[in-house]
């Protein structure tokens, strides 16, 4: 990821926490199960 993409990601995380109280991050696996975790709860 570029520095701009990283900055945009963390801005979106902060925006979601401010708006909804949490942010969900999904991790999709090819050979392993996919999962998600929350930030801000």
Protein backbone atom coordinates (compact mmCIF):
# COMPACT_ATOMS: atom_id res chain seq x y z
CA UNK A 1 0.00 0.00 0.00
CA UNK A 2 1.10 3.51 -0.68
CA UNK A 3 1.30 6.15 2.05
CA UNK A 4 -1.80 7.79 0.59
CA UNK A 5 -3.75 4.52 0.70
CA UNK A 6 -2.71 3.91 4.31
CA UNK A 7 -3.75 7.43 5.28
CA UNK A 8 -7.12 7.01 3.52
CA UNK A 9 -7.69 3.66 5.28
CA UNK A 10 -7.07 5.09 8.75
CA UNK A 11 -9.24 8.12 7.97
CA UNK A 12 -12.05 5.72 7.01
CA UNK A 13 -11.53 3.72 10.22
CA UNK A 14 -11.78 6.91 12.29
CA UNK A 15 -14.83 8.07 10.33
CA UNK A 16 -16.62 4.74 10.88
CA UNK A 17 -15.84 4.74 14.61
CA UNK A 18 -17.11 8.30 14.92
CA UNK A 19 -20.29 7.55 12.92
CA UNK A 20 -21.14 3.99 14.00
CA UNK A 21 -19.05 3.41 17.13
CA UNK A 22 -16.95 0.69 15.49
CA UNK A 23 -15.17 -0.36 12.30
CA UNK A 24 -15.16 -3.88 10.84
CA UNK A 25 -12.09 -5.27 9.11
CA UNK A 26 -12.53 -8.37 6.96
CA UNK A 27 -9.65 -10.72 6.27
CA UNK A 28 -10.27 -13.09 3.37
CA UNK A 29 -8.18 -16.24 3.31
CA UNK A 30 -7.40 -18.41 0.31
CA UNK A 31 -6.27 -21.55 2.11
CA UNK A 32 -7.50 -20.54 5.56
CA UNK A 33 -10.90 -19.50 6.89
CA UNK A 34 -11.89 -15.87 6.43
CA UNK A 35 -12.69 -13.78 9.50
CA UNK A 36 -13.49 -10.25 10.61
CA UNK A 37 -12.68 -8.19 13.66
CA UNK A 38 -14.00 -4.95 15.08
CA UNK A 39 -12.16 -1.82 16.18
CA UNK A 40 -13.68 0.74 18.51
CA UNK A 41 -16.17 -1.35 20.45
